[in-house]
């Protein structure tokens, strides 16, 4: 699981409140941003139809539906036909050109990934495994849930501009880094199953502190712009 934070303008914040499904586009990446579309197309054309035909052997109940969708029989798929249709479907599902995706959403600005350090950052800020009532205990896992659980790790969460400003001020307190350094206890974090679990490895303390400083800078920037924040575990 990775934690991603996106700075959003108040207008986009209100848009997401009206239609929570919009938040999905902030966190589900576009295909061209991750893959070389040409290489993906070559790979799909080379082996995609045959792999799909093989999958139909395990799920024969889907055969008629798949054959109709691709306009090819299972035997034709085995021969490698239907690759272009399969690639077009992949693009549309992943937000590629045929699906209307691509580009940063209007009203979305800076983005921060805490990678897998998110739970460690939350723990050293709050001293708890789950979100708590303290302000710093909301910085990573707080916010107001919106929409469906599209990632499998919970819905997206929103912080209002006012909440962002409060968090930025709290994180800027010089005492915070001293407190979190004292809370970094590999044995205790392992006992509490703080994700991603391997806290005895060299460099883990520096990893978490670096991620915390990035989070502090991110909130400071969003607050300076008067913006809101959306976050999600994906």
Protein backbone atom coordinates (compact mmCIF):
# COMPACT_ATOMS: atom_id res chain seq x y z
CA UNK A 1 0.00 0.00 0.00
CA UNK A 2 1.21 3.47 -0.94
CA UNK A 3 -0.11 6.79 0.39
CA UNK A 4 -0.58 9.59 -2.13
CA UNK A 5 -1.55 13.19 -1.37
CA UNK A 6 -2.74 15.68 -4.00
CA UNK A 7 -3.11 19.44 -3.55
CA UNK A 8 -6.42 20.56 -5.04
CA UNK A 9 -8.04 23.94 -5.59
CA UNK A 10 -11.26 24.76 -3.68
CA UNK A 11 -13.24 24.45 -6.93
CA UNK A 12 -12.07 20.87 -7.48
CA UNK A 13 -12.68 20.13 -3.80
CA UNK A 14 -16.32 21.21 -4.24
CA UNK A 15 -16.59 19.22 -7.46
CA UNK A 16 -15.45 16.05 -5.69
CA UNK A 17 -17.92 16.70 -2.89
CA UNK A 18 -20.69 16.82 -5.49
CA UNK A 19 -19.41 13.80 -7.41
CA UNK A 20 -17.04 11.64 -5.31
CA UNK A 21 -16.18 9.45 -8.30
CA UNK A 22 -14.07 12.35 -9.61
CA UNK A 23 -11.54 11.57 -6.86
CA UNK A 24 -10.68 8.28 -8.54
CA UNK A 25 -9.06 10.15 -11.45
CA UNK A 26 -6.62 11.77 -9.03
CA UNK A 27 -5.22 8.44 -7.89
CA UNK A 28 -5.73 5.91 -10.69
CA UNK A 29 -2.80 6.57 -13.06
CA UNK A 30 -3.12 7.09 -16.79
CA UNK A 31 -1.62 4.34 -18.92
CA UNK A 32 0.81 6.61 -20.83
CA UNK A 33 2.25 7.95 -17.56
CA UNK A 34 3.42 4.49 -16.53
CA UNK A 35 4.01 2.51 -19.72
CA UNK A 36 5.33 3.12 -23.18
CA UNK A 37 2.08 2.62 -25.14
CA UNK A 38 3.96 1.32 -28.18
CA UNK A 39 5.71 -1.40 -26.19
CA UNK A 40 2.48 -2.31 -24.40
CA UNK A 41 0.70 -2.59 -27.74
CA UNK A 42 3.44 -4.85 -29.14
CA UNK A 43 3.24 -7.09 -26.06
CA UNK A 44 -0.56 -7.31 -26.20
CA UNK A 45 -0.57 -8.10 -29.91
CA UNK A 46 2.14 -10.73 -29.49
CA UNK A 47 0.62 -12.72 -26.62
CA UNK A 48 -2.58 -11.09 -25.36
CA UNK A 49 -5.17 -12.99 -27.45
CA UNK A 50 -3.54 -16.34 -26.72
CA UNK A 51 -3.47 -15.64 -22.98
CA UNK A 52 -7.13 -14.63 -23.09
CA UNK A 53 -8.01 -17.81 -24.96
CA UNK A 54 -6.21 -19.83 -22.30
CA UNK A 55 -8.11 -18.02 -19.55
CA UNK A 56 -11.39 -19.03 -21.20
CA UNK A 57 -10.46 -22.67 -20.64
CA UNK A 58 -10.66 -21.99 -16.89
CA UNK A 59 -13.79 -19.85 -17.18
CA UNK A 60 -15.93 -21.37 -19.96
CA UNK A 61 -19.01 -19.52 -18.68
CA UNK A 62 -17.45 -16.30 -20.03
CA UNK A 63 -16.72 -17.67 -23.49
CA UNK A 64 -19.80 -16.36 -25.30
CA UNK A 65 -19.50 -12.92 -23.71
CA UNK A 66 -15.81 -12.58 -24.56
CA UNK A 67 -16.26 -13.85 -28.10
CA UNK A 68 -19.02 -11.32 -28.67
CA UNK A 69 -17.03 -8.46 -27.11
CA UNK A 70 -13.97 -9.06 -29.28
CA UNK A 71 -15.75 -10.33 -32.40
CA UNK A 72 -13.44 -13.35 -32.38
CA UNK A 73 -13.97 -16.98 -31.47
CA UNK A 74 -11.79 -18.70 -28.92
CA UNK A 75 -9.99 -20.48 -31.74
CA UNK A 76 -9.31 -17.16 -33.45
CA UNK A 77 -7.90 -15.78 -30.22
CA UNK A 78 -5.60 -18.80 -30.02
CA UNK A 79 -4.32 -17.90 -33.49
CA UNK A 80 -3.47 -14.42 -32.22
CA UNK A 81 -6.41 -12.52 -33.69
CA UNK A 82 -8.14 -9.72 -31.77
CA UNK A 83 -5.04 -8.08 -30.35
CA UNK A 84 -6.00 -4.56 -31.41
CA UNK A 85 -9.41 -4.89 -29.76
CA UNK A 86 -7.78 -6.18 -26.59
CA UNK A 87 -5.31 -3.28 -26.50
CA UNK A 88 -8.12 -0.76 -27.05
CA UNK A 89 -10.00 -2.25 -24.10
CA UNK A 90 -6.87 -2.05 -21.93
CA UNK A 91 -6.40 1.62 -22.85
CA UNK A 92 -10.01 2.49 -22.07
CA UNK A 93 -9.92 0.73 -18.69
CA UNK A 94 -6.61 2.34 -17.68
CA UNK A 95 -7.47 5.85 -18.85
CA UNK A 96 -5.43 5.83 -22.04
CA UNK A 97 -6.21 7.81 -25.19
CA UNK A 98 -9.28 5.81 -26.21
CA UNK A 99 -10.74 6.22 -22.73
CA UNK A 100 -10.47 9.99 -22.62
CA UNK A 101 -7.75 10.07 -19.96
CA UNK A 102 -4.35 11.68 -19.98
CA UNK A 103 -2.97 14.77 -18.39
CA UNK A 104 -3.32 16.28 -14.95
CA UNK A 105 -6.86 17.07 -13.85
CA UNK A 106 -7.73 20.76 -13.91
CA UNK A 107 -7.51 22.15 -10.39
CA UNK A 108 -4.99 19.54 -9.18
CA UNK A 109 -1.47 20.72 -8.37
CA UNK A 110 1.39 19.34 -6.29
CA UNK A 111 1.45 15.64 -5.48
CA UNK A 112 3.28 13.76 -2.74
CA UNK A 113 3.81 10.04 -2.31
CA UNK A 114 4.85 8.77 1.11
CA UNK A 115 5.37 5.39 -0.53
CA UNK A 116 5.28 2.67 2.16
CA UNK A 117 6.48 5.00 4.91
CA UNK A 118 2.95 6.33 5.54
CA UNK A 119 2.11 4.11 8.55
CA UNK A 120 5.45 4.77 10.19
CA UNK A 121 4.95 8.52 9.72
CA UNK A 122 1.47 8.29 11.20
CA UNK A 123 2.75 6.32 14.19
CA UNK A 124 5.60 8.66 15.07
CA UNK A 125 3.27 11.66 14.75
CA UNK A 126 0.46 10.21 16.85
CA UNK A 127 1.80 7.30 18.89
CA UNK A 128 -1.19 5.21 17.76
CA UNK A 129 -1.85 2.57 15.11
CA UNK A 130 -5.13 4.09 13.93
CA UNK A 131 -6.18 7.73 13.44
CA UNK A 132 -6.93 9.50 16.70
CA UNK A 133 -8.51 12.73 17.82
CA UNK A 134 -5.29 14.73 17.89
CA UNK A 135 -4.51 17.13 15.07
CA UNK A 136 -1.22 15.45 14.18
CA UNK A 137 -2.98 12.08 14.32
CA UNK A 138 -5.05 13.25 11.34
CA UNK A 139 -2.18 14.32 9.07
CA UNK A 140 -1.75 10.96 7.33
CA UNK A 141 -4.91 8.94 7.96
CA UNK A 142 -7.44 11.69 8.67
CA UNK A 143 -9.76 13.62 6.43
CA UNK A 144 -13.36 13.01 5.42
CA UNK A 145 -14.02 9.86 3.41
CA UNK A 146 -15.71 10.39 0.07
CA UNK A 147 -17.06 7.97 -2.50
CA UNK A 148 -16.45 4.27 -2.93
CA UNK A 149 -13.47 2.10 -2.01
CA UNK A 150 -12.05 2.02 -5.54
CA UNK A 151 -8.52 1.08 -4.45
CA UNK A 152 -9.31 -1.78 -2.06
CA UNK A 153 -7.70 0.16 0.81
CA UNK A 154 -10.52 2.55 1.65
CA UNK A 155 -12.11 5.55 -0.08
CA UNK A 156 -10.34 8.78 -0.89
CA UNK A 157 -10.27 11.32 1.93
CA UNK A 158 -10.53 15.11 1.77
CA UNK A 159 -9.04 17.87 3.92
CA UNK A 160 -10.65 21.31 3.68
CA UNK A 161 -8.39 24.35 3.13
CA UNK A 162 -8.96 25.32 6.78
CA UNK A 163 -7.92 21.87 7.98
CA UNK A 164 -4.86 21.96 5.72
CA UNK A 165 -3.83 25.29 7.25
CA UNK A 166 -4.21 23.87 10.79
CA UNK A 167 -2.13 20.81 9.92
CA UNK A 168 0.57 22.90 8.26
CA UNK A 169 0.89 25.05 11.38
CA UNK A 170 0.98 22.02 13.69
CA UNK A 171 3.61 20.23 11.61
CA UNK A 172 5.79 23.34 11.52
CA UNK A 173 6.24 23.29 15.31
CA UNK A 174 9.96 22.57 15.99
CA UNK A 175 8.95 20.28 18.85
CA UNK A 176 7.32 17.86 16.42
CA UNK A 177 10.54 16.44 15.00
CA UNK A 178 12.00 15.97 18.46
CA UNK A 179 8.85 14.13 19.55
CA UNK A 180 8.70 11.86 16.53
CA UNK A 181 12.38 10.97 16.82
CA UNK A 182 11.72 9.80 20.36
CA UNK A 183 8.73 7.72 19.27
CA UNK A 184 10.66 5.77 16.67
CA UNK A 185 11.00 2.43 18.46
CA UNK A 186 11.59 -0.50 16.06
CA UNK A 187 10.65 -3.17 18.60
CA UNK A 188 7.40 -1.44 19.61
CA UNK A 189 6.51 -0.70 15.99
CA UNK A 190 7.07 -4.34 15.11
CA UNK A 191 4.86 -5.46 18.01
CA UNK A 192 2.10 -3.14 16.81
CA UNK A 193 2.45 -4.40 13.20
CA UNK A 194 3.17 -0.94 11.85
CA UNK A 195 3.26 -1.33 8.05
CA UNK A 196 5.52 -2.30 6.26
CA UNK A 197 6.88 -4.17 9.32
CA UNK A 198 10.69 -4.30 8.77
CA UNK A 199 11.65 -1.56 11.20
CA UNK A 200 14.91 -3.15 12.36
CA UNK A 201 16.59 -2.56 9.01
CA UNK A 202 19.35 0.10 8.85
CA UNK A 203 18.16 3.47 7.65
CA UNK A 204 14.50 3.04 8.59
CA UNK A 205 14.52 5.96 11.05
CA UNK A 206 16.00 8.29 8.43
CA UNK A 207 13.46 7.02 5.87
CA UNK A 208 10.52 7.91 8.11
CA UNK A 209 11.95 11.30 9.12
CA UNK A 210 12.62 12.18 5.49
CA UNK A 211 9.02 11.24 4.59
CA UNK A 212 7.74 13.34 7.50
CA UNK A 213 9.69 16.39 6.28
CA UNK A 214 8.23 15.88 2.81
CA UNK A 215 4.74 15.76 4.31
CA UNK A 216 5.39 18.92 6.30
CA UNK A 217 6.57 20.74 3.18
CA UNK A 218 3.60 19.49 1.18
CA UNK A 219 1.05 20.77 3.71
CA UNK A 220 2.91 24.07 4.01
CA UNK A 221 2.75 24.58 0.24
CA UNK A 222 -0.94 23.67 0.01
CA UNK A 223 -1.75 25.99 2.93
CA UNK A 224 0.20 28.86 1.36
CA UNK A 225 -1.92 28.49 -1.78
CA UNK A 226 -5.19 28.29 0.17
CA UNK A 227 -5.85 24.85 -1.27
CA UNK A 228 -7.43 21.64 -0.03
CA UNK A 229 -5.86 18.15 -0.04
CA UNK A 230 -7.10 14.77 -1.22
CA UNK A 231 -5.40 11.57 -0.16
CA UNK A 232 -5.79 7.84 -0.66
CA UNK A 233 -4.06 4.53 0.01
CA UNK A 234 -3.58 2.65 -3.25
